[in-house]
């Protein structure tokens, strides 16, 4: 059975368990950066289909999300400091209270995104489409 078929047969319970394992490994990797001992794995979801994915409150610091397809995703209160979201599609995503310090959002599609009270200090927004985005109380713009 192909890997794609295996993923298609996953139940929501399986999906949530796998999500937690991946996020735990990434968080261990982030912590190891501070101690200079490489452990865990950097989250690499570049080019992945993450439509309506739930990453609320997740630690996604330094994650590789280049060209990820994430319309309608929930990233509310997630930590994306230093993440690479270059060319990502986040149309209609919920990013309220998210941390995006020093992140790359170059050429990202952020149309109709809720960025209320997000921290974009030092974020690279060159070429990003912020049409109809909620930028109320955004820090760093």
C-alpha atoms as a PDB file:
ATOM      1  CA  UNK A   1       0.000   0.000   0.000  1.00  0.00           C
ATOM      2  CA  UNK A   2       1.390   3.388  -0.974  1.00  0.00           C
ATOM      3  CA  UNK A   3       2.150   6.025   1.647  1.00  0.00           C
ATOM      4  CA  UNK A   4      -0.608   8.205   0.182  1.00  0.00           C
ATOM      5  CA  UNK A   5      -3.158   5.409   0.681  1.00  0.00           C
ATOM      6  CA  UNK A   6      -2.036   4.907   4.273  1.00  0.00           C
ATOM      7  CA  UNK A   7      -2.582   8.603   5.036  1.00  0.00           C
ATOM      8  CA  UNK A   8      -5.987   8.578   3.335  1.00  0.00           C
ATOM      9  CA  UNK A   9      -7.136   5.740   5.619  1.00  0.00           C
ATOM     10  CA  UNK A  10      -6.133   7.476   8.825  1.00  0.00           C
ATOM     11  CA  UNK A  11      -8.940   8.252  11.233  1.00  0.00           C
ATOM     12  CA  UNK A  12      -9.166  11.622  12.993  1.00  0.00           C
ATOM     13  CA  UNK A  13      -7.798   9.959  16.162  1.00  0.00           C
ATOM     14  CA  UNK A  14      -4.794   8.659  14.178  1.00  0.00           C
ATOM     15  CA  UNK A  15      -4.296  12.077  12.604  1.00  0.00           C
ATOM     16  CA  UNK A  16      -4.307  13.831  15.985  1.00  0.00           C
ATOM     17  CA  UNK A  17      -1.855  11.291  17.458  1.00  0.00           C
ATOM     18  CA  UNK A  18       0.516  11.697  14.486  1.00  0.00           C
ATOM     19  CA  UNK A  19       0.189  15.489  14.714  1.00  0.00           C
ATOM     20  CA  UNK A  20       1.185  15.425  18.377  1.00  0.00           C
ATOM     21  CA  UNK A  21       4.225  13.220  17.692  1.00  0.00           C
ATOM     22  CA  UNK A  22       5.449  15.504  14.909  1.00  0.00           C
ATOM     23  CA  UNK A  23       4.881  18.655  16.971  1.00  0.00           C
ATOM     24  CA  UNK A  24       6.584  17.106  20.023  1.00  0.00           C
ATOM     25  CA  UNK A  25       9.651  16.184  17.942  1.00  0.00           C
ATOM     26  CA  UNK A  26       9.766  19.725  16.534  1.00  0.00           C
ATOM     27  CA  UNK A  27       9.450  21.294  19.978  1.00  0.00           C
ATOM     28  CA  UNK A  28      12.308  19.094  21.220  1.00  0.00           C
ATOM     29  CA  UNK A  29      14.368  20.298  18.225  1.00  0.00           C
ATOM     30  CA  UNK A  30      13.574  23.975  19.015  1.00  0.00           C
ATOM     31  CA  UNK A  31      14.616  23.520  22.651  1.00  0.00           C
ATOM     32  CA  UNK A  32      17.817  21.750  21.592  1.00  0.00           C
ATOM     33  CA  UNK A  33      18.837  24.818  19.563  1.00  0.00           C
ATOM     34  CA  UNK A  34      19.145  26.775  22.788  1.00  0.00           C
ATOM     35  CA  UNK A  35      21.397  24.101  24.319  1.00  0.00           C
ATOM     36  CA  UNK A  36      23.359  23.405  21.110  1.00  0.00           C
ATOM     37  CA  UNK A  37      22.508  19.678  21.326  1.00  0.00           C
ATOM     38  CA  UNK A  38      20.577  18.577  18.257  1.00  0.00           C
ATOM     39  CA  UNK A  39      17.571  16.481  19.257  1.00  0.00           C
ATOM     40  CA  UNK A  40      14.193  15.944  17.677  1.00  0.00           C
ATOM     41  CA  UNK A  41      13.381  17.053  14.148  1.00  0.00           C
ATOM     42  CA  UNK A  42      12.740  20.395  12.503  1.00  0.00           C
ATOM     43  CA  UNK A  43       9.194  20.517  11.184  1.00  0.00           C
ATOM     44  CA  UNK A  44       9.299  20.492   7.384  1.00  0.00           C
ATOM     45  CA  UNK A  45       5.880  20.812   5.776  1.00  0.00           C
ATOM     46  CA  UNK A  46       7.035  22.683   2.694  1.00  0.00           C
ATOM     47  CA  UNK A  47       4.689  22.152  -0.227  1.00  0.00           C
ATOM     48  CA  UNK A  48       2.223  20.130   1.859  1.00  0.00           C
ATOM     49  CA  UNK A  49      -1.573  20.301   1.643  1.00  0.00           C
ATOM     50  CA  UNK A  50      -2.672  21.602   5.054  1.00  0.00           C
ATOM     51  CA  UNK A  51      -6.143  22.880   4.167  1.00  0.00           C
ATOM     52  CA  UNK A  52      -8.052  23.721   7.378  1.00  0.00           C
ATOM     53  CA  UNK A  53      -5.264  22.198   9.513  1.00  0.00           C
ATOM     54  CA  UNK A  54      -5.411  22.868  13.239  1.00  0.00           C
ATOM     55  CA  UNK A  55      -2.183  24.253  14.696  1.00  0.00           C
ATOM     56  CA  UNK A  56      -3.753  26.305  17.492  1.00  0.00           C
ATOM     57  CA  UNK A  57      -1.270  27.015  20.313  1.00  0.00           C
ATOM     58  CA  UNK A  58       1.423  24.967  18.483  1.00  0.00           C
ATOM     59  CA  UNK A  59       5.131  25.696  18.717  1.00  0.00           C
ATOM     60  CA  UNK A  60       6.184  26.059  15.084  1.00  0.00           C
ATOM     61  CA  UNK A  61       9.293  28.171  15.647  1.00  0.00           C
ATOM     62  CA  UNK A  62      11.728  27.931  12.715  1.00  0.00           C
ATOM     63  CA  UNK A  63       9.366  25.521  10.883  1.00  0.00           C
ATOM     64  CA  UNK A  64       9.736  25.128   7.125  1.00  0.00           C
ATOM     65  CA  UNK A  65       6.325  25.901   5.631  1.00  0.00           C
ATOM     66  CA  UNK A  66       7.506  27.191   2.255  1.00  0.00           C
ATOM     67  CA  UNK A  67       4.839  26.856  -0.434  1.00  0.00           C
ATOM     68  CA  UNK A  68       2.471  25.096   2.020  1.00  0.00           C
ATOM     69  CA  UNK A  69      -1.200  25.156   1.032  1.00  0.00           C
ATOM     70  CA  UNK A  70      -2.968  26.238   4.241  1.00  0.00           C
ATOM     71  CA  UNK A  71      -6.247  28.006   3.373  1.00  0.00           C
ATOM     72  CA  UNK A  72      -8.627  28.122   6.309  1.00  0.00           C
ATOM     73  CA  UNK A  73      -5.999  26.776   8.717  1.00  0.00           C
ATOM     74  CA  UNK A  74      -6.235  27.631  12.405  1.00  0.00           C
ATOM     75  CA  UNK A  75      -2.944  28.948  13.780  1.00  0.00           C
ATOM     76  CA  UNK A  76      -4.425  31.079  16.545  1.00  0.00           C
ATOM     77  CA  UNK A  77      -1.875  31.744  19.303  1.00  0.00           C
ATOM     78  CA  UNK A  78       0.760  29.605  17.556  1.00  0.00           C
ATOM     79  CA  UNK A  79       4.449  30.466  17.809  1.00  0.00           C
ATOM     80  CA  UNK A  80       5.852  30.855  14.288  1.00  0.00           C
ATOM     81  CA  UNK A  81       8.870  32.987  15.212  1.00  0.00           C
ATOM     82  CA  UNK A  82      11.534  32.535  12.549  1.00  0.00           C
ATOM     83  CA  UNK A  83       9.325  30.252  10.428  1.00  0.00           C
ATOM     84  CA  UNK A  84       9.660  30.244   6.655  1.00  0.00           C
ATOM     85  CA  UNK A  85       6.254  30.768   5.023  1.00  0.00           C
ATOM     86  CA  UNK A  86       7.604  31.985   1.691  1.00  0.00           C
ATOM     87  CA  UNK A  87       5.011  31.463  -1.071  1.00  0.00           C
ATOM     88  CA  UNK A  88       2.589  29.820   1.400  1.00  0.00           C
ATOM     89  CA  UNK A  89      -1.150  30.050   0.764  1.00  0.00           C
ATOM     90  CA  UNK A  90      -2.898  31.129   3.974  1.00  0.00           C
ATOM     91  CA  UNK A  91      -6.044  32.590   2.415  1.00  0.00           C
ATOM     92  CA  UNK A  92      -8.755  32.851   5.101  1.00  0.00           C
ATOM     93  CA  UNK A  93      -6.518  31.412   7.839  1.00  0.00           C
ATOM     94  CA  UNK A  94      -6.984  32.344  11.485  1.00  0.00           C
ATOM     95  CA  UNK A  95      -3.735  33.875  12.770  1.00  0.00           C
ATOM     96  CA  UNK A  96      -5.002  36.008  15.643  1.00  0.00           C
ATOM     97  CA  UNK A  97      -2.495  36.435  18.493  1.00  0.00           C
ATOM     98  CA  UNK A  98       0.160  34.515  16.525  1.00  0.00           C
ATOM     99  CA  UNK A  99       3.890  35.191  16.948  1.00  0.00           C
ATOM    100  CA  UNK A 100       5.626  35.731  13.609  1.00  0.00           C
ATOM    101  CA  UNK A 101       8.755  37.614  14.680  1.00  0.00           C
ATOM    102  CA  UNK A 102      11.562  37.414  12.120  1.00  0.00           C
ATOM    103  CA  UNK A 103       9.485  35.078   9.928  1.00  0.00           C
ATOM    104  CA  UNK A 104       9.532  35.073   6.141  1.00  0.00           C
ATOM    105  CA  UNK A 105       6.148  35.683   4.545  1.00  0.00           C
ATOM    106  CA  UNK A 106       7.587  36.721   1.186  1.00  0.00           C
ATOM    107  CA  UNK A 107       5.042  36.336  -1.616  1.00  0.00           C
ATOM    108  CA  UNK A 108       2.626  34.594   0.775  1.00  0.00           C
ATOM    109  CA  UNK A 109      -1.090  34.717  -0.026  1.00  0.00           C
ATOM    110  CA  UNK A 110      -2.670  36.217   3.114  1.00  0.00           C
ATOM    111  CA  UNK A 111      -5.942  37.392   1.607  1.00  0.00           C
ATOM    112  CA  UNK A 112      -8.786  37.644   4.132  1.00  0.00           C
ATOM    113  CA  UNK A 113      -6.518  36.443   6.975  1.00  0.00           C
ATOM    114  CA  UNK A 114      -7.233  37.353  10.574  1.00  0.00           C
ATOM    115  CA  UNK A 115      -3.962  38.718  12.007  1.00  0.00           C
ATOM    116  CA  UNK A 116      -5.581  40.526  14.942  1.00  0.00           C
ATOM    117  CA  UNK A 117      -2.955  41.241  17.625  1.00  0.00           C
ATOM    118  CA  UNK A 118      -0.294  39.214  15.802  1.00  0.00           C
ATOM    119  CA  UNK A 119       3.376  40.088  16.322  1.00  0.00           C
ATOM    120  CA  UNK A 120       5.067  40.683  12.972  1.00  0.00           C
ATOM    121  CA  UNK A 121       8.176  42.391  14.343  1.00  0.00           C
ATOM    122  CA  UNK A 122      11.001  41.856  11.851  1.00  0.00           C
ATOM    123  CA  UNK A 123       8.837  39.712   9.532  1.00  0.00           C
ATOM    124  CA  UNK A 124       9.586  39.883   5.814  1.00  0.00           C
ATOM    125  CA  UNK A 125       6.313  40.684   4.035  1.00  0.00           C
ATOM    126  CA  UNK A 126       7.755  41.640   0.630  1.00  0.00           C
ATOM    127  CA  UNK A 127       5.277  40.690  -2.079  1.00  0.00           C
ATOM    128  CA  UNK A 128       2.730  39.282   0.385  1.00  0.00           C
ATOM    129  CA  UNK A 129      -0.948  39.720  -0.554  1.00  0.00           C
ATOM    130  CA  UNK A 130      -2.751  41.181   2.472  1.00  0.00           C
ATOM    131  CA  UNK A 131      -5.996  42.021   0.653  1.00  0.00           C
ATOM    132  CA  UNK A 132      -8.857  42.325   3.170  1.00  0.00           C
ATOM    133  CA  UNK A 133      -6.634  41.028   6.000  1.00  0.00           C
ATOM    134  CA  UNK A 134      -7.622  41.989   9.551  1.00  0.00           C
ATOM    135  CA  UNK A 135      -4.585  43.933  10.802  1.00  0.00           C
ATOM    136  CA  UNK A 136      -6.212  45.320  13.939  1.00  0.00           C
ATOM    137  CA  UNK A 137      -3.642  45.915  16.700  1.00  0.00           C
ATOM    138  CA  UNK A 138      -0.868  44.121  14.805  1.00  0.00           C
ATOM    139  CA  UNK A 139       2.562  44.701  16.319  1.00  0.00           C
ATOM    140  CA  UNK A 140       5.579  45.425  14.134  1.00  0.00           C
ATOM    141  CA  UNK A 141       3.985  46.865  11.008  1.00  0.00           C
END
